[in-house]
Amino acid sequence: QVQLVESGGGLVQAGGSLRLSCAASGSIFSINAMGWYRQAPGKHRELVADITSGGDTNYADSVKGRFTISRDNAKNTVYLQMNSLKPEDTAVYYCAAARVSRIYRYWGQGTQVTVSS
């Protein structure tokens, strides 16, 4: 099993920045991809960004140029730097991990990000 613990959420004004962190523990030796998803009220969970163990990244169109995902394999931690935040970025952000390709089977508990206008 893999345990994921997120931190770094909070309340920020539009245009501001936040940095989310996700620390992985447990059976982490075979983790391939790690990523961030988000779910706003009344909406489906959507991929924000992910990164493979080799550093290949993928971003949702809505966050390209504003968010940056990075990974510290030595610390088993993935980060999401969020700049130029918009009210529509308000959501619960979930960290996820995958052993096979980008098939995410392990999830964190979520951290709330609220962007005020």
N, C-alpha and C. Protein backbone atom coordinates (compact mmCIF):
# COMPACT_ATOMS: atom_id res chain seq x y z
N GLN A 1 0.83 -1.19 0.00
CA GLN A 1 0.00 0.00 0.00
C GLN A 1 0.87 1.25 0.00
N VAL A 2 0.29 2.30 -0.50
CA VAL A 2 0.95 3.60 -0.56
C VAL A 2 0.08 4.60 0.18
N GLN A 3 0.70 5.36 1.07
CA GLN A 3 -0.01 6.43 1.77
C GLN A 3 0.48 7.77 1.23
N LEU A 4 -0.47 8.66 1.01
CA LEU A 4 -0.18 9.99 0.48
C LEU A 4 -0.74 11.04 1.41
N VAL A 5 0.08 12.01 1.78
CA VAL A 5 -0.37 13.07 2.68
C VAL A 5 -0.08 14.42 2.03
N GLU A 6 -1.16 15.18 1.79
CA GLU A 6 -1.03 16.49 1.16
C GLU A 6 -0.91 17.58 2.22
N SER A 7 -0.31 18.68 1.83
CA SER A 7 -0.27 19.87 2.67
C SER A 7 -0.11 21.09 1.77
N GLY A 8 -0.41 22.26 2.34
CA GLY A 8 -0.16 23.50 1.61
C GLY A 8 -1.38 24.21 1.09
N GLY A 9 -2.56 23.64 1.26
CA GLY A 9 -3.75 24.33 0.79
C GLY A 9 -4.08 25.53 1.67
N GLY A 10 -5.08 26.30 1.25
CA GLY A 10 -5.48 27.45 2.04
C GLY A 10 -6.29 28.43 1.24
N LEU A 11 -6.42 29.62 1.80
CA LEU A 11 -7.19 30.71 1.17
C LEU A 11 -6.21 31.74 0.63
N VAL A 12 -6.43 32.14 -0.61
CA VAL A 12 -5.55 33.13 -1.24
C VAL A 12 -6.38 34.03 -2.14
N GLN A 13 -5.94 35.23 -2.34
CA GLN A 13 -6.63 36.14 -3.25
C GLN A 13 -6.26 35.82 -4.69
N ALA A 14 -7.14 36.19 -5.58
CA ALA A 14 -6.87 36.00 -7.01
C ALA A 14 -5.56 36.68 -7.38
N GLY A 15 -4.77 35.98 -8.18
CA GLY A 15 -3.46 36.49 -8.56
C GLY A 15 -2.33 36.01 -7.65
N GLY A 16 -2.71 35.42 -6.53
CA GLY A 16 -1.72 34.95 -5.58
C GLY A 16 -1.17 33.57 -5.93
N SER A 17 -0.36 33.05 -5.02
CA SER A 17 0.30 31.77 -5.24
C SER A 17 0.16 30.86 -4.02
N LEU A 18 0.19 29.57 -4.29
CA LEU A 18 0.24 28.55 -3.25
C LEU A 18 1.14 27.42 -3.74
N ARG A 19 1.71 26.70 -2.80
CA ARG A 19 2.50 25.52 -3.15
C ARG A 19 1.96 24.33 -2.37
N LEU A 20 1.52 23.32 -3.10
CA LEU A 20 1.06 22.09 -2.49
C LEU A 20 2.18 21.08 -2.46
N SER A 21 2.19 20.28 -1.39
CA SER A 21 3.15 19.20 -1.26
C SER A 21 2.42 17.90 -1.00
N CYS A 22 3.00 16.81 -1.45
CA CYS A 22 2.42 15.49 -1.20
C CYS A 22 3.56 14.52 -0.92
N ALA A 23 3.56 13.98 0.30
CA ALA A 23 4.59 13.04 0.70
C ALA A 23 4.04 11.61 0.62
N ALA A 24 4.79 10.75 -0.03
CA ALA A 24 4.39 9.35 -0.18
C ALA A 24 5.17 8.49 0.79
N SER A 25 4.50 7.48 1.34
CA SER A 25 5.15 6.52 2.22
C SER A 25 4.53 5.14 2.00
N GLY A 26 5.15 4.13 2.59
CA GLY A 26 4.66 2.77 2.41
C GLY A 26 5.43 2.07 1.30
N SER A 27 4.73 1.33 0.47
CA SER A 27 5.35 0.56 -0.62
C SER A 27 5.58 1.45 -1.84
N ILE A 28 6.54 2.35 -1.71
CA ILE A 28 6.74 3.38 -2.73
C ILE A 28 7.75 2.99 -3.80
N PHE A 29 8.37 1.82 -3.67
CA PHE A 29 9.48 1.46 -4.55
C PHE A 29 9.07 1.34 -6.00
N SER A 30 7.79 1.03 -6.24
CA SER A 30 7.37 0.82 -7.62
C SER A 30 6.46 1.92 -8.16
N ILE A 31 6.42 3.06 -7.48
CA ILE A 31 5.59 4.15 -7.97
C ILE A 31 6.17 4.69 -9.27
N ASN A 32 5.32 4.84 -10.27
CA ASN A 32 5.75 5.44 -11.52
C ASN A 32 5.32 6.90 -11.53
N ALA A 33 4.07 7.14 -11.77
CA ALA A 33 3.59 8.52 -11.89
C ALA A 33 2.97 9.01 -10.59
N MET A 34 3.10 10.30 -10.38
CA MET A 34 2.39 10.99 -9.29
C MET A 34 1.74 12.23 -9.88
N GLY A 35 0.60 12.57 -9.33
CA GLY A 35 -0.11 13.69 -9.91
C GLY A 35 -1.03 14.39 -8.95
N TRP A 36 -1.62 15.46 -9.46
CA TRP A 36 -2.61 16.23 -8.71
C TRP A 36 -3.90 16.28 -9.51
N TYR A 37 -4.98 15.97 -8.82
CA TYR A 37 -6.31 16.12 -9.35
C TYR A 37 -7.03 17.16 -8.51
N ARG A 38 -8.15 17.66 -9.03
CA ARG A 38 -8.97 18.57 -8.22
C ARG A 38 -10.44 18.32 -8.50
N GLN A 39 -11.25 18.65 -7.50
CA GLN A 39 -12.69 18.51 -7.65
C GLN A 39 -13.37 19.71 -7.03
N ALA A 40 -14.07 20.45 -7.86
CA ALA A 40 -14.85 21.59 -7.39
C ALA A 40 -16.27 21.13 -7.09
N PRO A 41 -17.00 21.85 -6.26
CA PRO A 41 -18.38 21.46 -5.93
C PRO A 41 -19.23 21.29 -7.17
N GLY A 42 -19.90 20.15 -7.25
CA GLY A 42 -20.78 19.88 -8.38
C GLY A 42 -20.09 19.49 -9.66
N LYS A 43 -18.78 19.30 -9.60
CA LYS A 43 -18.04 18.95 -10.81
C LYS A 43 -17.30 17.63 -10.62
N HIS A 44 -16.92 17.03 -11.75
CA HIS A 44 -16.14 15.79 -11.70
C HIS A 44 -14.70 16.09 -11.30
N ARG A 45 -14.06 15.08 -10.76
CA ARG A 45 -12.64 15.20 -10.46
C ARG A 45 -11.88 15.26 -11.78
N GLU A 46 -10.91 16.18 -11.86
CA GLU A 46 -10.16 16.35 -13.09
C GLU A 46 -8.66 16.38 -12.82
N LEU A 47 -7.91 15.91 -13.79
CA LEU A 47 -6.46 15.95 -13.69
C LEU A 47 -5.99 17.39 -13.82
N VAL A 48 -5.10 17.79 -12.92
CA VAL A 48 -4.47 19.10 -13.00
C VAL A 48 -3.10 18.98 -13.65
N ALA A 49 -2.29 18.07 -13.10
CA ALA A 49 -0.95 17.86 -13.63
C ALA A 49 -0.41 16.56 -13.08
N ASP A 50 0.47 15.90 -13.86
CA ASP A 50 1.15 14.75 -13.31
C ASP A 50 2.57 14.67 -13.86
N ILE A 51 3.34 13.78 -13.24
CA ILE A 51 4.75 13.66 -13.59
C ILE A 51 5.17 12.22 -13.36
N THR A 52 5.92 11.68 -14.31
CA THR A 52 6.39 10.31 -14.18
C THR A 52 7.73 10.28 -13.43
N SER A 53 8.18 9.08 -13.11
CA SER A 53 9.46 8.95 -12.42
C SER A 53 10.61 9.45 -13.29
N GLY A 54 10.41 9.46 -14.59
CA GLY A 54 11.43 9.97 -15.50
C GLY A 54 11.35 11.45 -15.76
N GLY A 55 10.34 12.11 -15.16
CA GLY A 55 10.23 13.55 -15.30
C GLY A 55 9.31 14.05 -16.39
N ASP A 56 8.63 13.14 -17.07
CA ASP A 56 7.68 13.54 -18.10
C ASP A 56 6.45 14.16 -17.44
N THR A 57 6.07 15.36 -17.86
CA THR A 57 4.95 16.06 -17.23
C THR A 57 3.77 16.22 -18.18
N ASN A 58 2.62 16.42 -17.57
CA ASN A 58 1.39 16.59 -18.32
C ASN A 58 0.52 17.59 -17.54
N TYR A 59 -0.07 18.56 -18.24
CA TYR A 59 -0.87 19.58 -17.58
C TYR A 59 -2.23 19.73 -18.24
N ALA A 60 -3.22 20.06 -17.44
CA ALA A 60 -4.51 20.45 -18.00
C ALA A 60 -4.33 21.79 -18.70
N ASP A 61 -5.06 21.99 -19.78
CA ASP A 61 -4.95 23.24 -20.54
C ASP A 61 -5.24 24.45 -19.67
N SER A 62 -6.14 24.30 -18.73
CA SER A 62 -6.56 25.43 -17.90
C SER A 62 -5.48 25.94 -16.95
N VAL A 63 -4.44 25.14 -16.73
CA VAL A 63 -3.39 25.55 -15.78
C VAL A 63 -2.03 25.73 -16.44
N LYS A 64 -1.92 25.42 -17.72
CA LYS A 64 -0.63 25.56 -18.41
C LYS A 64 -0.13 26.99 -18.32
N GLY A 65 1.14 27.14 -17.99
CA GLY A 65 1.74 28.46 -17.87
C GLY A 65 1.57 29.08 -16.49
N ARG A 66 0.70 28.49 -15.67
CA ARG A 66 0.48 29.02 -14.31
C ARG A 66 0.93 28.05 -13.22
N PHE A 67 0.75 26.76 -13.46
CA PHE A 67 1.10 25.74 -12.47
C PHE A 67 2.33 24.98 -12.93
N THR A 68 3.13 24.55 -11.95
CA THR A 68 4.30 23.73 -12.25
C THR A 68 4.35 22.56 -11.29
N ILE A 69 4.44 21.36 -11.84
CA ILE A 69 4.58 20.16 -11.01
C ILE A 69 6.04 19.76 -10.99
N SER A 70 6.49 19.32 -9.83
CA SER A 70 7.86 18.84 -9.70
C SER A 70 7.89 17.68 -8.71
N ARG A 71 8.99 16.98 -8.73
CA ARG A 71 9.06 15.76 -7.93
C ARG A 71 10.47 15.61 -7.38
N ASP A 72 10.54 15.27 -6.10
CA ASP A 72 11.82 14.97 -5.46
C ASP A 72 11.79 13.49 -5.12
N ASN A 73 12.42 12.68 -5.95
CA ASN A 73 12.36 11.23 -5.75
C ASN A 73 13.07 10.81 -4.46
N ALA A 74 14.09 11.54 -4.06
CA ALA A 74 14.81 11.20 -2.83
C ALA A 74 13.91 11.37 -1.60
N LYS A 75 13.00 12.34 -1.69
CA LYS A 75 12.09 12.62 -0.57
C LYS A 75 10.73 12.00 -0.78
N ASN A 76 10.55 11.32 -1.92
CA ASN A 76 9.25 10.73 -2.24
C ASN A 76 8.13 11.74 -2.13
N THR A 77 8.39 12.93 -2.66
CA THR A 77 7.45 14.03 -2.54
C THR A 77 7.22 14.68 -3.90
N VAL A 78 5.98 15.04 -4.14
CA VAL A 78 5.63 15.77 -5.36
C VAL A 78 5.05 17.12 -4.95
N TYR A 79 5.34 18.13 -5.74
CA TYR A 79 4.92 19.49 -5.44
C TYR A 79 4.07 20.05 -6.58
N LEU A 80 3.22 20.98 -6.23
CA LEU A 80 2.47 21.71 -7.25
C LEU A 80 2.57 23.19 -6.92
N GLN A 81 3.35 23.91 -7.68
CA GLN A 81 3.45 25.36 -7.51
C GLN A 81 2.36 26.01 -8.35
N MET A 82 1.50 26.76 -7.69
CA MET A 82 0.36 27.37 -8.36
C MET A 82 0.50 28.88 -8.30
N ASN A 83 0.65 29.50 -9.45
CA ASN A 83 0.79 30.95 -9.56
C ASN A 83 -0.41 31.53 -10.31
N SER A 84 -0.58 32.82 -10.19
CA SER A 84 -1.66 33.53 -10.88
C SER A 84 -2.99 32.82 -10.68
N LEU A 85 -3.28 32.51 -9.44
CA LEU A 85 -4.49 31.74 -9.13
C LEU A 85 -5.75 32.53 -9.47
N LYS A 86 -6.76 31.79 -9.90
CA LYS A 86 -8.04 32.36 -10.28
C LYS A 86 -9.14 31.76 -9.41
N PRO A 87 -10.25 32.46 -9.26
CA PRO A 87 -11.36 31.89 -8.47
C PRO A 87 -11.79 30.51 -8.98
N GLU A 88 -11.69 30.28 -10.27
CA GLU A 88 -12.10 28.98 -10.81
C GLU A 88 -11.12 27.86 -10.46
N ASP A 89 -10.01 28.19 -9.84
CA ASP A 89 -9.09 27.15 -9.35
C ASP A 89 -9.54 26.62 -7.99
N THR A 90 -10.55 27.23 -7.41
CA THR A 90 -11.06 26.78 -6.12
C THR A 90 -11.57 25.35 -6.22
N ALA A 91 -11.04 24.49 -5.34
CA ALA A 91 -11.40 23.07 -5.37
C ALA A 91 -10.68 22.35 -4.24
N VAL A 92 -11.05 21.11 -4.04
CA VAL A 92 -10.24 20.22 -3.21
C VAL A 92 -9.22 19.57 -4.13
N TYR A 93 -7.98 19.66 -3.76
CA TYR A 93 -6.89 19.11 -4.56
C TYR A 93 -6.42 17.80 -3.94
N TYR A 94 -6.33 16.78 -4.78
CA TYR A 94 -5.95 15.44 -4.34
C TYR A 94 -4.64 15.02 -4.98
N CYS A 95 -3.78 14.45 -4.18
CA CYS A 95 -2.57 13.83 -4.68
C CYS A 95 -2.88 12.39 -5.06
N ALA A 96 -2.22 11.89 -6.10
CA ALA A 96 -2.46 10.53 -6.55
C ALA A 96 -1.16 9.89 -6.99
N ALA A 97 -1.12 8.57 -6.89
CA ALA A 97 0.07 7.82 -7.29
C ALA A 97 -0.33 6.60 -8.10
N ALA A 98 0.55 6.26 -9.05
CA ALA A 98 0.29 5.12 -9.93
C ALA A 98 1.52 4.23 -10.01
N ARG A 99 1.29 2.93 -9.98
CA ARG A 99 2.40 1.99 -10.20
C ARG A 99 2.55 1.71 -11.70
N VAL A 100 1.45 1.59 -12.37
CA VAL A 100 1.46 1.23 -13.78
C VAL A 100 1.05 2.45 -14.60
N SER A 101 1.93 2.86 -15.48
CA SER A 101 1.64 3.98 -16.38
C SER A 101 1.08 5.16 -15.58
N ARG A 102 -0.06 5.67 -15.99
CA ARG A 102 -0.73 6.78 -15.28
C ARG A 102 -2.10 6.32 -14.79
N ILE A 103 -2.16 5.06 -14.37
CA ILE A 103 -3.39 4.51 -13.81
C ILE A 103 -3.34 4.72 -12.30
N TYR A 104 -4.05 5.75 -11.83
CA TYR A 104 -3.95 6.17 -10.44
C TYR A 104 -4.85 5.35 -9.53
N ARG A 105 -4.22 4.67 -8.57
CA ARG A 105 -4.97 3.81 -7.65
C ARG A 105 -4.82 4.24 -6.21
N TYR A 106 -3.90 5.15 -5.93
CA TYR A 106 -3.67 5.58 -4.55
C TYR A 106 -3.95 7.07 -4.48
N TRP A 107 -4.69 7.46 -3.41
CA TRP A 107 -5.15 8.83 -3.30
C TRP A 107 -4.91 9.37 -1.90
N GLY A 108 -4.61 10.67 -1.83
CA GLY A 108 -4.54 11.34 -0.56
C GLY A 108 -5.91 11.77 -0.09
N GLN A 109 -5.96 12.42 1.06
CA GLN A 109 -7.24 12.79 1.65
C GLN A 109 -7.77 14.10 1.08
N GLY A 110 -6.93 14.85 0.39
CA GLY A 110 -7.34 16.10 -0.23
C GLY A 110 -7.01 17.30 0.64
N THR A 111 -6.77 18.42 -0.04
CA THR A 111 -6.52 19.68 0.65
C THR A 111 -7.29 20.78 -0.07
N GLN A 112 -7.95 21.63 0.70
CA GLN A 112 -8.80 22.65 0.12
C GLN A 112 -7.98 23.85 -0.34
N VAL A 113 -8.25 24.29 -1.56
CA VAL A 113 -7.68 25.53 -2.09
C VAL A 113 -8.85 26.45 -2.42
N THR A 114 -8.85 27.63 -1.84
CA THR A 114 -9.91 28.60 -2.09
C THR A 114 -9.28 29.90 -2.57
N VAL A 115 -9.74 30.35 -3.73
CA VAL A 115 -9.22 31.59 -4.32
C VAL A 115 -10.34 32.61 -4.33
N SER A 116 -10.15 33.69 -3.62
CA SER A 116 -11.17 34.73 -3.54
C SER A 116 -10.96 35.78 -4.62
N SER A 117 -12.06 36.36 -5.07
CA SER A 117 -11.97 37.37 -6.14
C SER A 117 -11.82 38.76 -5.57
